[in-house]
């Protein structure tokens, strides 16, 4: 009897030990999976659908070429999942695209070229390491060649309308030489002489057959990716309401000036605004004064 009770006690102890251990351990991997779920950031990452035709400025991409498909895939993925930059590009597009589209249309340039401004500067008045400036990223020599004033006090590379018009003149010159909008866009990035030389040396007749430096090799695909996302952002998971867009700076009056301005802060106050807002509306005014020794007529914008 005592011996049987002893065995019974041992059996019960063993059973309770197993039960307690099982209650803590659960199924193999269950706790680690639970912890992973609790710690993970909920998101859905998908590949971009390439099963559709793509084009730039009406010129189709040869998507039956595996190299072309992979290069486009890379740029679509990079821009789709580069969230902060892409959201800012979408916001800025509402601010700048109406003006850019109008000037492109007036010059007979395909509307897709508005995406060059996004690729070049993210629609910001940036300065590149090489010294290119403004939304269209003109180098100083090219800017002056196409009629933009650049000096210590005035830099029209930062003037949206004038720089966009100059960009159109460049693009028209390149298209007359290359007879391809795709090659024209590539030449805007790499230079006309570089593209022409590479085509001759490589015996290539189109952009997609050229072996170029990394930046230019990615350039057209980046433009197409930006076009796809900005033209239908919701399809790529970007939802911005009307109140979240940056509005165009179109509520202003023009003050024509053909004399010097000793202090732009005083000028701003005289016209009911601040120095900061004056510079926002006129980023091409670089200094705190405008000497204007030649008596040139400048149009300065001030908000109404």
C-alpha atoms as a PDB file:
ATOM      1  CA  UNK A   1       0.000   0.000   0.000  1.00  0.00           C
ATOM      2  CA  UNK A   2       2.746   2.478   1.012  1.00  0.00           C
ATOM      3  CA  UNK A   3       4.797   1.408  -1.986  1.00  0.00           C
ATOM      4  CA  UNK A   4       1.841   1.935  -4.319  1.00  0.00           C
ATOM      5  CA  UNK A   5       1.184   5.359  -2.749  1.00  0.00           C
ATOM      6  CA  UNK A   6       4.810   6.272  -3.288  1.00  0.00           C
ATOM      7  CA  UNK A   7       4.618   5.405  -6.995  1.00  0.00           C
ATOM      8  CA  UNK A   8       1.332   7.285  -7.302  1.00  0.00           C
ATOM      9  CA  UNK A   9       2.897  10.398  -5.755  1.00  0.00           C
ATOM     10  CA  UNK A  10       5.854  10.251  -8.124  1.00  0.00           C
ATOM     11  CA  UNK A  11       3.534   9.831 -11.097  1.00  0.00           C
ATOM     12  CA  UNK A  12       1.425  12.829 -10.079  1.00  0.00           C
ATOM     13  CA  UNK A  13       4.519  14.971  -9.578  1.00  0.00           C
ATOM     14  CA  UNK A  14       5.806  14.049 -13.010  1.00  0.00           C
ATOM     15  CA  UNK A  15       2.425  14.805 -14.590  1.00  0.00           C
ATOM     16  CA  UNK A  16       2.215  18.229 -12.931  1.00  0.00           C
ATOM     17  CA  UNK A  17       5.779  19.074 -14.000  1.00  0.00           C
ATOM     18  CA  UNK A  18       4.993  18.229 -17.629  1.00  0.00           C
ATOM     19  CA  UNK A  19       1.714  20.166 -17.487  1.00  0.00           C
ATOM     20  CA  UNK A  20       3.383  23.271 -16.068  1.00  0.00           C
ATOM     21  CA  UNK A  21       6.203  23.112 -18.609  1.00  0.00           C
ATOM     22  CA  UNK A  22       3.715  22.682 -21.444  1.00  0.00           C
ATOM     23  CA  UNK A  23       1.668  25.663 -20.288  1.00  0.00           C
ATOM     24  CA  UNK A  24       4.755  27.883 -20.554  1.00  0.00           C
ATOM     25  CA  UNK A  25       6.305  26.434 -23.661  1.00  0.00           C
ATOM     26  CA  UNK A  26       3.265  25.807 -25.873  1.00  0.00           C
ATOM     27  CA  UNK A  27       3.895  24.600 -29.358  1.00  0.00           C
ATOM     28  CA  UNK A  28       7.439  24.801 -30.721  1.00  0.00           C
ATOM     29  CA  UNK A  29       8.107  28.330 -31.930  1.00  0.00           C
ATOM     30  CA  UNK A  30       4.720  29.645 -30.779  1.00  0.00           C
ATOM     31  CA  UNK A  31       6.105  32.163 -28.270  1.00  0.00           C
ATOM     32  CA  UNK A  32       8.773  33.475 -30.638  1.00  0.00           C
ATOM     33  CA  UNK A  33       6.173  33.906 -33.364  1.00  0.00           C
ATOM     34  CA  UNK A  34       3.913  35.761 -30.945  1.00  0.00           C
ATOM     35  CA  UNK A  35       6.763  38.026 -29.901  1.00  0.00           C
ATOM     36  CA  UNK A  36       7.613  38.726 -33.519  1.00  0.00           C
ATOM     37  CA  UNK A  37       4.003  39.696 -34.220  1.00  0.00           C
ATOM     38  CA  UNK A  38       3.900  42.027 -31.238  1.00  0.00           C
ATOM     39  CA  UNK A  39       7.206  43.717 -32.164  1.00  0.00           C
ATOM     40  CA  UNK A  40       6.799  43.916 -35.949  1.00  0.00           C
ATOM     41  CA  UNK A  41       5.732  47.013 -37.906  1.00  0.00           C
ATOM     42  CA  UNK A  42       2.591  46.212 -39.911  1.00  0.00           C
ATOM     43  CA  UNK A  43       3.176  46.868 -43.601  1.00  0.00           C
ATOM     44  CA  UNK A  44       2.597  45.308 -46.969  1.00  0.00           C
ATOM     45  CA  UNK A  45       5.586  45.194 -49.311  1.00  0.00           C
ATOM     46  CA  UNK A  46       4.779  44.151 -52.849  1.00  0.00           C
ATOM     47  CA  UNK A  47       6.628  44.050 -56.120  1.00  0.00           C
ATOM     48  CA  UNK A  48       5.429  46.515 -58.760  1.00  0.00           C
ATOM     49  CA  UNK A  49       3.369  45.111 -61.619  1.00  0.00           C
ATOM     50  CA  UNK A  50       5.313  45.353 -64.869  1.00  0.00           C
ATOM     51  CA  UNK A  51       2.659  43.650 -66.985  1.00  0.00           C
ATOM     52  CA  UNK A  52       1.612  46.818 -68.807  1.00  0.00           C
ATOM     53  CA  UNK A  53       3.031  49.097 -71.487  1.00  0.00           C
ATOM     54  CA  UNK A  54       5.265  51.969 -70.386  1.00  0.00           C
ATOM     55  CA  UNK A  55       6.367  55.004 -72.355  1.00  0.00           C
ATOM     56  CA  UNK A  56       8.199  58.292 -72.053  1.00  0.00           C
ATOM     57  CA  UNK A  57       6.875  61.233 -74.084  1.00  0.00           C
ATOM     58  CA  UNK A  58       4.905  58.801 -76.246  1.00  0.00           C
ATOM     59  CA  UNK A  59       7.950  56.652 -77.027  1.00  0.00           C
ATOM     60  CA  UNK A  60       7.412  53.077 -75.741  1.00  0.00           C
ATOM     61  CA  UNK A  61       9.879  51.192 -73.584  1.00  0.00           C
ATOM     62  CA  UNK A  62      10.882  47.815 -75.104  1.00  0.00           C
ATOM     63  CA  UNK A  63       9.587  45.783 -72.167  1.00  0.00           C
ATOM     64  CA  UNK A  64      10.275  42.490 -73.962  1.00  0.00           C
ATOM     65  CA  UNK A  65      13.945  43.235 -73.274  1.00  0.00           C
ATOM     66  CA  UNK A  66      14.742  41.682 -69.868  1.00  0.00           C
ATOM     67  CA  UNK A  67      17.435  44.282 -69.180  1.00  0.00           C
ATOM     68  CA  UNK A  68      14.975  47.136 -69.738  1.00  0.00           C
ATOM     69  CA  UNK A  69      12.352  45.455 -67.530  1.00  0.00           C
ATOM     70  CA  UNK A  70      14.818  44.954 -64.671  1.00  0.00           C
ATOM     71  CA  UNK A  71      16.136  48.509 -64.852  1.00  0.00           C
ATOM     72  CA  UNK A  72      12.607  49.925 -64.761  1.00  0.00           C
ATOM     73  CA  UNK A  73      11.673  47.574 -61.929  1.00  0.00           C
ATOM     74  CA  UNK A  74      14.535  48.938 -59.830  1.00  0.00           C
ATOM     75  CA  UNK A  75      13.450  52.563 -60.224  1.00  0.00           C
ATOM     76  CA  UNK A  76       9.789  51.791 -59.579  1.00  0.00           C
ATOM     77  CA  UNK A  77      10.675  49.978 -56.348  1.00  0.00           C
ATOM     78  CA  UNK A  78      13.133  52.642 -55.177  1.00  0.00           C
ATOM     79  CA  UNK A  79      10.653  55.469 -55.680  1.00  0.00           C
ATOM     80  CA  UNK A  80       7.630  53.529 -54.420  1.00  0.00           C
ATOM     81  CA  UNK A  81       9.293  52.733 -51.098  1.00  0.00           C
ATOM     82  CA  UNK A  82      11.236  55.988 -50.691  1.00  0.00           C
ATOM     83  CA  UNK A  83       8.256  57.285 -48.779  1.00  0.00           C
ATOM     84  CA  UNK A  84       9.234  60.722 -47.454  1.00  0.00           C
ATOM     85  CA  UNK A  85      10.798  61.937 -50.694  1.00  0.00           C
ATOM     86  CA  UNK A  86       7.939  60.642 -52.826  1.00  0.00           C
ATOM     87  CA  UNK A  87       5.286  62.245 -50.605  1.00  0.00           C
ATOM     88  CA  UNK A  88       7.119  65.572 -50.818  1.00  0.00           C
ATOM     89  CA  UNK A  89       7.358  65.232 -54.601  1.00  0.00           C
ATOM     90  CA  UNK A  90       3.596  64.681 -54.804  1.00  0.00           C
ATOM     91  CA  UNK A  91       2.933  67.712 -52.601  1.00  0.00           C
ATOM     92  CA  UNK A  92       5.308  69.938 -54.582  1.00  0.00           C
ATOM     93  CA  UNK A  93       3.856  68.782 -57.904  1.00  0.00           C
ATOM     94  CA  UNK A  94       0.599  70.578 -57.099  1.00  0.00           C
ATOM     95  CA  UNK A  95       2.602  73.732 -56.431  1.00  0.00           C
ATOM     96  CA  UNK A  96       4.819  73.795 -59.533  1.00  0.00           C
ATOM     97  CA  UNK A  97       3.329  71.569 -62.240  1.00  0.00           C
ATOM     98  CA  UNK A  98       0.600  74.018 -63.405  1.00  0.00           C
ATOM     99  CA  UNK A  99       3.247  76.595 -64.373  1.00  0.00           C
ATOM    100  CA  UNK A 100       5.661  74.028 -65.846  1.00  0.00           C
ATOM    101  CA  UNK A 101       2.908  72.304 -67.854  1.00  0.00           C
ATOM    102  CA  UNK A 102       1.770  75.618 -69.365  1.00  0.00           C
ATOM    103  CA  UNK A 103       5.272  76.582 -70.505  1.00  0.00           C
ATOM    104  CA  UNK A 104       6.006  73.106 -71.904  1.00  0.00           C
ATOM    105  CA  UNK A 105       2.722  73.204 -73.817  1.00  0.00           C
ATOM    106  CA  UNK A 106       3.446  76.685 -75.217  1.00  0.00           C
ATOM    107  CA  UNK A 107       6.800  75.385 -76.515  1.00  0.00           C
ATOM    108  CA  UNK A 108       5.513  72.139 -78.016  1.00  0.00           C
ATOM    109  CA  UNK A 109       7.409  69.996 -75.506  1.00  0.00           C
ATOM    110  CA  UNK A 110       5.718  66.751 -74.349  1.00  0.00           C
ATOM    111  CA  UNK A 111       4.203  67.073 -70.885  1.00  0.00           C
ATOM    112  CA  UNK A 112       6.264  64.137 -69.592  1.00  0.00           C
ATOM    113  CA  UNK A 113       9.248  66.500 -69.444  1.00  0.00           C
ATOM    114  CA  UNK A 114       7.815  68.007 -66.276  1.00  0.00           C
ATOM    115  CA  UNK A 115       9.168  64.899 -64.558  1.00  0.00           C
ATOM    116  CA  UNK A 116      12.714  65.993 -65.435  1.00  0.00           C
ATOM    117  CA  UNK A 117      12.287  68.779 -62.889  1.00  0.00           C
ATOM    118  CA  UNK A 118      11.385  66.169 -60.268  1.00  0.00           C
ATOM    119  CA  UNK A 119      14.335  63.942 -61.136  1.00  0.00           C
ATOM    120  CA  UNK A 120      16.760  66.862 -61.291  1.00  0.00           C
ATOM    121  CA  UNK A 121      15.840  68.650 -58.059  1.00  0.00           C
ATOM    122  CA  UNK A 122      12.756  67.086 -56.419  1.00  0.00           C
ATOM    123  CA  UNK A 123      11.100  70.405 -57.377  1.00  0.00           C
ATOM    124  CA  UNK A 124      13.351  72.338 -55.018  1.00  0.00           C
ATOM    125  CA  UNK A 125      15.851  75.121 -55.659  1.00  0.00           C
ATOM    126  CA  UNK A 126      18.791  72.850 -54.949  1.00  0.00           C
ATOM    127  CA  UNK A 127      22.514  73.359 -55.519  1.00  0.00           C
ATOM    128  CA  UNK A 128      24.366  70.296 -56.824  1.00  0.00           C
ATOM    129  CA  UNK A 129      27.946  69.415 -55.827  1.00  0.00           C
ATOM    130  CA  UNK A 130      28.989  70.465 -59.342  1.00  0.00           C
ATOM    131  CA  UNK A 131      27.314  73.867 -58.960  1.00  0.00           C
ATOM    132  CA  UNK A 132      24.097  73.315 -60.941  1.00  0.00           C
ATOM    133  CA  UNK A 133      21.273  75.381 -59.469  1.00  0.00           C
ATOM    134  CA  UNK A 134      17.521  75.695 -59.417  1.00  0.00           C
ATOM    135  CA  UNK A 135      14.645  73.368 -60.166  1.00  0.00           C
ATOM    136  CA  UNK A 136      16.054  72.654 -63.661  1.00  0.00           C
ATOM    137  CA  UNK A 137      19.655  72.386 -62.412  1.00  0.00           C
ATOM    138  CA  UNK A 138      21.439  74.686 -64.844  1.00  0.00           C
ATOM    139  CA  UNK A 139      25.181  75.115 -64.723  1.00  0.00           C
ATOM    140  CA  UNK A 140      26.239  78.766 -64.901  1.00  0.00           C
ATOM    141  CA  UNK A 141      27.594  78.631 -68.466  1.00  0.00           C
ATOM    142  CA  UNK A 142      24.509  76.938 -69.882  1.00  0.00           C
ATOM    143  CA  UNK A 143      22.228  79.332 -67.991  1.00  0.00           C
ATOM    144  CA  UNK A 144      23.927  82.363 -69.516  1.00  0.00           C
ATOM    145  CA  UNK A 145      23.977  80.735 -72.952  1.00  0.00           C
ATOM    146  CA  UNK A 146      20.179  80.457 -72.788  1.00  0.00           C
ATOM    147  CA  UNK A 147      19.569  83.967 -71.530  1.00  0.00           C
ATOM    148  CA  UNK A 148      19.404  83.596 -67.745  1.00  0.00           C
ATOM    149  CA  UNK A 149      21.027  86.315 -65.647  1.00  0.00           C
ATOM    150  CA  UNK A 150      23.442  85.019 -63.003  1.00  0.00           C
ATOM    151  CA  UNK A 151      25.444  87.230 -60.665  1.00  0.00           C
ATOM    152  CA  UNK A 152      25.933  87.935 -56.966  1.00  0.00           C
ATOM    153  CA  UNK A 153      22.533  89.595 -56.544  1.00  0.00           C
ATOM    154  CA  UNK A 154      20.354  87.946 -59.186  1.00  0.00           C
ATOM    155  CA  UNK A 155      20.247  84.309 -60.302  1.00  0.00           C
ATOM    156  CA  UNK A 156      17.428  83.520 -62.689  1.00  0.00           C
ATOM    157  CA  UNK A 157      18.104  79.809 -62.458  1.00  0.00           C
ATOM    158  CA  UNK A 158      15.852  80.171 -59.400  1.00  0.00           C
ATOM    159  CA  UNK A 159      13.125  81.945 -61.416  1.00  0.00           C
ATOM    160  CA  UNK A 160      10.585  79.217 -62.190  1.00  0.00           C
ATOM    161  CA  UNK A 161       9.109  80.678 -65.379  1.00  0.00           C
ATOM    162  CA  UNK A 162      12.371  81.916 -66.874  1.00  0.00           C
ATOM    163  CA  UNK A 163      14.295  78.743 -66.019  1.00  0.00           C
ATOM    164  CA  UNK A 164      11.509  76.554 -67.414  1.00  0.00           C
ATOM    165  CA  UNK A 165      11.532  78.547 -70.653  1.00  0.00           C
ATOM    166  CA  UNK A 166      15.307  78.154 -70.859  1.00  0.00           C
ATOM    167  CA  UNK A 167      14.941  74.394 -70.267  1.00  0.00           C
ATOM    168  CA  UNK A 168      12.476  74.260 -73.164  1.00  0.00           C
ATOM    169  CA  UNK A 169      14.999  75.961 -75.439  1.00  0.00           C
ATOM    170  CA  UNK A 170      17.642  73.403 -74.463  1.00  0.00           C
ATOM    171  CA  UNK A 171      15.244  70.515 -75.074  1.00  0.00           C
ATOM    172  CA  UNK A 172      14.205  71.845 -78.486  1.00  0.00           C
ATOM    173  CA  UNK A 173      17.857  72.202 -79.504  1.00  0.00           C
ATOM    174  CA  UNK A 174      18.634  68.639 -78.409  1.00  0.00           C
ATOM    175  CA  UNK A 175      15.562  67.171 -80.107  1.00  0.00           C
ATOM    176  CA  UNK A 176      16.508  68.803 -83.411  1.00  0.00           C
ATOM    177  CA  UNK A 177      19.834  66.978 -83.192  1.00  0.00           C
ATOM    178  CA  UNK A 178      18.675  63.617 -81.835  1.00  0.00           C
ATOM    179  CA  UNK A 179      15.122  63.232 -83.197  1.00  0.00           C
ATOM    180  CA  UNK A 180      14.099  61.281 -80.095  1.00  0.00           C
ATOM    181  CA  UNK A 181      12.504  62.614 -76.916  1.00  0.00           C
ATOM    182  CA  UNK A 182      14.019  59.746 -74.921  1.00  0.00           C
ATOM    183  CA  UNK A 183      17.528  60.576 -76.122  1.00  0.00           C
ATOM    184  CA  UNK A 184      16.786  64.268 -75.561  1.00  0.00           C
ATOM    185  CA  UNK A 185      16.009  63.577 -71.907  1.00  0.00           C
ATOM    186  CA  UNK A 186      19.187  61.514 -71.571  1.00  0.00           C
ATOM    187  CA  UNK A 187      21.180  64.344 -73.151  1.00  0.00           C
ATOM    188  CA  UNK A 188      19.702  66.798 -70.653  1.00  0.00           C
ATOM    189  CA  UNK A 189      21.302  64.678 -67.945  1.00  0.00           C
ATOM    190  CA  UNK A 190      24.609  63.747 -69.592  1.00  0.00           C
ATOM    191  CA  UNK A 191      25.081  66.447 -72.215  1.00  0.00           C
ATOM    192  CA  UNK A 192      24.424  66.411 -75.947  1.00  0.00           C
ATOM    193  CA  UNK A 193      28.037  65.805 -76.961  1.00  0.00           C
ATOM    194  CA  UNK A 194      28.374  62.878 -74.563  1.00  0.00           C
ATOM    195  CA  UNK A 195      25.264  61.120 -75.832  1.00  0.00           C
ATOM    196  CA  UNK A 196      26.179  61.742 -79.469  1.00  0.00           C
ATOM    197  CA  UNK A 197      29.700  60.433 -78.927  1.00  0.00           C
ATOM    198  CA  UNK A 198      28.530  57.315 -77.073  1.00  0.00           C
ATOM    199  CA  UNK A 199      26.011  56.519 -79.799  1.00  0.00           C
ATOM    200  CA  UNK A 200      28.726  56.766 -82.431  1.00  0.00           C
ATOM    201  CA  UNK A 201      31.282  54.703 -80.517  1.00  0.00           C
ATOM    202  CA  UNK A 202      28.807  52.003 -79.460  1.00  0.00           C
ATOM    203  CA  UNK A 203      26.991  51.893 -82.823  1.00  0.00           C
ATOM    204  CA  UNK A 204      23.728  52.352 -80.929  1.00  0.00           C
ATOM    205  CA  UNK A 205      20.561  53.868 -82.393  1.00  0.00           C
ATOM    206  CA  UNK A 206      18.491  54.277 -79.228  1.00  0.00           C
ATOM    207  CA  UNK A 207      18.871  54.981 -75.516  1.00  0.00           C
ATOM    208  CA  UNK A 208      18.103  51.446 -74.341  1.00  0.00           C
ATOM    209  CA  UNK A 209      21.045  49.952 -76.225  1.00  0.00           C
ATOM    210  CA  UNK A 210      23.558  52.420 -74.793  1.00  0.00           C
ATOM    211  CA  UNK A 211      25.945  51.452 -72.012  1.00  0.00           C
ATOM    212  CA  UNK A 212      26.278  54.700 -70.043  1.00  0.00           C
ATOM    213  CA  UNK A 213      27.432  55.912 -66.649  1.00  0.00           C
ATOM    214  CA  UNK A 214      25.221  54.814 -63.779  1.00  0.00           C
ATOM    215  CA  UNK A 215      23.319  58.083 -63.379  1.00  0.00           C
ATOM    216  CA  UNK A 216      22.375  58.448 -67.038  1.00  0.00           C
ATOM    217  CA  UNK A 217      21.786  54.714 -67.416  1.00  0.00           C
ATOM    218  CA  UNK A 218      19.110  54.985 -64.717  1.00  0.00           C
ATOM    219  CA  UNK A 219      17.763  58.382 -65.777  1.00  0.00           C
ATOM    220  CA  UNK A 220      14.964  57.500 -68.213  1.00  0.00           C
ATOM    221  CA  UNK A 221      13.763  54.662 -65.996  1.00  0.00           C
ATOM    222  CA  UNK A 222      13.686  57.030 -63.050  1.00  0.00           C
ATOM    223  CA  UNK A 223      11.613  59.490 -65.086  1.00  0.00           C
ATOM    224  CA  UNK A 224       9.141  56.765 -66.031  1.00  0.00           C
ATOM    225  CA  UNK A 225       8.917  55.591 -62.413  1.00  0.00           C
ATOM    226  CA  UNK A 226       8.276  59.137 -61.184  1.00  0.00           C
ATOM    227  CA  UNK A 227       5.662  59.575 -63.902  1.00  0.00           C
ATOM    228  CA  UNK A 228       3.856  56.368 -62.928  1.00  0.00           C
ATOM    229  CA  UNK A 229       3.736  57.242 -59.227  1.00  0.00           C
ATOM    230  CA  UNK A 230       2.898  60.939 -59.490  1.00  0.00           C
ATOM    231  CA  UNK A 231       0.218  60.428 -62.138  1.00  0.00           C
ATOM    232  CA  UNK A 232      -1.633  57.795 -60.050  1.00  0.00           C
ATOM    233  CA  UNK A 233      -0.299  57.934 -56.480  1.00  0.00           C
ATOM    234  CA  UNK A 234      -3.124  55.920 -54.912  1.00  0.00           C
ATOM    235  CA  UNK A 235      -2.168  52.885 -56.997  1.00  0.00           C
ATOM    236  CA  UNK A 236       1.187  52.984 -55.182  1.00  0.00           C
ATOM    237  CA  UNK A 237      -0.241  53.527 -51.699  1.00  0.00           C
ATOM    238  CA  UNK A 238       0.109  57.322 -51.455  1.00  0.00           C
ATOM    239  CA  UNK A 239      -3.054  59.040 -50.231  1.00  0.00           C
ATOM    240  CA  UNK A 240      -3.013  62.841 -49.965  1.00  0.00           C
ATOM    241  CA  UNK A 241      -6.153  64.890 -49.483  1.00  0.00           C
ATOM    242  CA  UNK A 242      -6.592  68.307 -51.128  1.00  0.00           C
ATOM    243  CA  UNK A 243      -5.730  70.040 -47.870  1.00  0.00           C
ATOM    244  CA  UNK A 244      -2.378  68.235 -47.749  1.00  0.00           C
ATOM    245  CA  UNK A 245      -1.157  69.545 -51.101  1.00  0.00           C
ATOM    246  CA  UNK A 246       1.149  72.547 -51.426  1.00  0.00           C
ATOM    247  CA  UNK A 247      -0.824  75.292 -53.199  1.00  0.00           C
ATOM    248  CA  UNK A 248       0.629  77.249 -56.142  1.00  0.00           C
ATOM    249  CA  UNK A 249       2.064  80.690 -55.343  1.00  0.00           C
ATOM    250  CA  UNK A 250      -0.348  82.410 -57.729  1.00  0.00           C
ATOM    251  CA  UNK A 251      -1.951  84.988 -55.427  1.00  0.00           C
ATOM    252  CA  UNK A 252       0.446  87.897 -55.952  1.00  0.00           C
ATOM    253  CA  UNK A 253       0.850  91.308 -57.533  1.00  0.00           C
ATOM    254  CA  UNK A 254       3.836  92.455 -59.594  1.00  0.00           C
ATOM    255  CA  UNK A 255       5.917  95.474 -58.684  1.00  0.00           C
ATOM    256  CA  UNK A 256       8.067  96.603 -61.616  1.00  0.00           C
ATOM    257  CA  UNK A 257      11.418  98.006 -60.525  1.00  0.00           C
ATOM    258  CA  UNK A 258      14.002  99.671 -62.791  1.00  0.00           C
ATOM    259  CA  UNK A 259      16.053 101.391 -60.096  1.00  0.00           C
ATOM    260  CA  UNK A 260      18.216 100.124 -57.251  1.00  0.00           C
ATOM    261  CA  UNK A 261      16.762  98.853 -53.964  1.00  0.00           C
ATOM    262  CA  UNK A 262      19.039  99.609 -51.029  1.00  0.00           C
ATOM    263  CA  UNK A 263      17.332  97.204 -48.634  1.00  0.00           C
ATOM    264  CA  UNK A 264      14.870  94.487 -49.602  1.00  0.00           C
ATOM    265  CA  UNK A 265      13.638  94.308 -46.020  1.00  0.00           C
ATOM    266  CA  UNK A 266      12.424  97.898 -46.273  1.00  0.00           C
ATOM    267  CA  UNK A 267      11.002  97.164 -49.743  1.00  0.00           C
ATOM    268  CA  UNK A 268       9.067  94.191 -48.326  1.00  0.00           C
ATOM    269  CA  UNK A 269       7.608  96.255 -45.462  1.00  0.00           C
ATOM    270  CA  UNK A 270       6.577  99.021 -47.852  1.00  0.00           C
ATOM    271  CA  UNK A 271       4.578  96.465 -49.812  1.00  0.00           C
ATOM    272  CA  UNK A 272       2.924  94.772 -46.852  1.00  0.00           C
ATOM    273  CA  UNK A 273       5.014  91.642 -46.542  1.00  0.00           C
ATOM    274  CA  UNK A 274       8.190  90.337 -44.895  1.00  0.00           C
ATOM    275  CA  UNK A 275      11.717  89.795 -46.144  1.00  0.00           C
ATOM    276  CA  UNK A 276      11.262  86.029 -45.783  1.00  0.00           C
ATOM    277  CA  UNK A 277       8.048  85.902 -47.832  1.00  0.00           C
ATOM    278  CA  UNK A 278       9.543  88.241 -50.437  1.00  0.00           C
ATOM    279  CA  UNK A 279      12.346  85.695 -50.921  1.00  0.00           C
ATOM    280  CA  UNK A 280       9.853  82.795 -51.061  1.00  0.00           C
ATOM    281  CA  UNK A 281       8.018  84.501 -53.933  1.00  0.00           C
ATOM    282  CA  UNK A 282      11.261  85.685 -55.571  1.00  0.00           C
ATOM    283  CA  UNK A 283      14.025  83.128 -54.862  1.00  0.00           C
ATOM    284  CA  UNK A 284      16.053  84.596 -57.736  1.00  0.00           C
ATOM    285  CA  UNK A 285      16.830  87.639 -55.553  1.00  0.00           C
ATOM    286  CA  UNK A 286      19.993  86.426 -53.821  1.00  0.00           C
ATOM    287  CA  UNK A 287      21.166  89.419 -51.823  1.00  0.00           C
ATOM    288  CA  UNK A 288      19.575  91.801 -49.329  1.00  0.00           C
ATOM    289  CA  UNK A 289      19.716  94.582 -51.930  1.00  0.00           C
ATOM    290  CA  UNK A 290      19.368  95.075 -55.683  1.00  0.00           C
ATOM    291  CA  UNK A 291      21.990  97.391 -57.171  1.00  0.00           C
ATOM    292  CA  UNK A 292      20.614  97.373 -60.736  1.00  0.00           C
ATOM    293  CA  UNK A 293      23.233  99.744 -62.110  1.00  0.00           C
ATOM    294  CA  UNK A 294      22.037  99.100 -65.679  1.00  0.00           C
ATOM    295  CA  UNK A 295      18.477 100.210 -64.966  1.00  0.00           C
ATOM    296  CA  UNK A 296      17.032  96.869 -66.042  1.00  0.00           C
ATOM    297  CA  UNK A 297      13.303  96.341 -65.447  1.00  0.00           C
ATOM    298  CA  UNK A 298      12.663  93.581 -62.888  1.00  0.00           C
ATOM    299  CA  UNK A 299       9.275  92.177 -61.951  1.00  0.00           C
ATOM    300  CA  UNK A 300       9.133  91.474 -58.237  1.00  0.00           C
ATOM    301  CA  UNK A 301       6.218  89.533 -56.833  1.00  0.00           C
ATOM    302  CA  UNK A 302       4.565  90.329 -53.507  1.00  0.00           C
ATOM    303  CA  UNK A 303       1.567  88.458 -52.076  1.00  0.00           C
ATOM    304  CA  UNK A 304      -1.790  90.229 -52.257  1.00  0.00           C
END
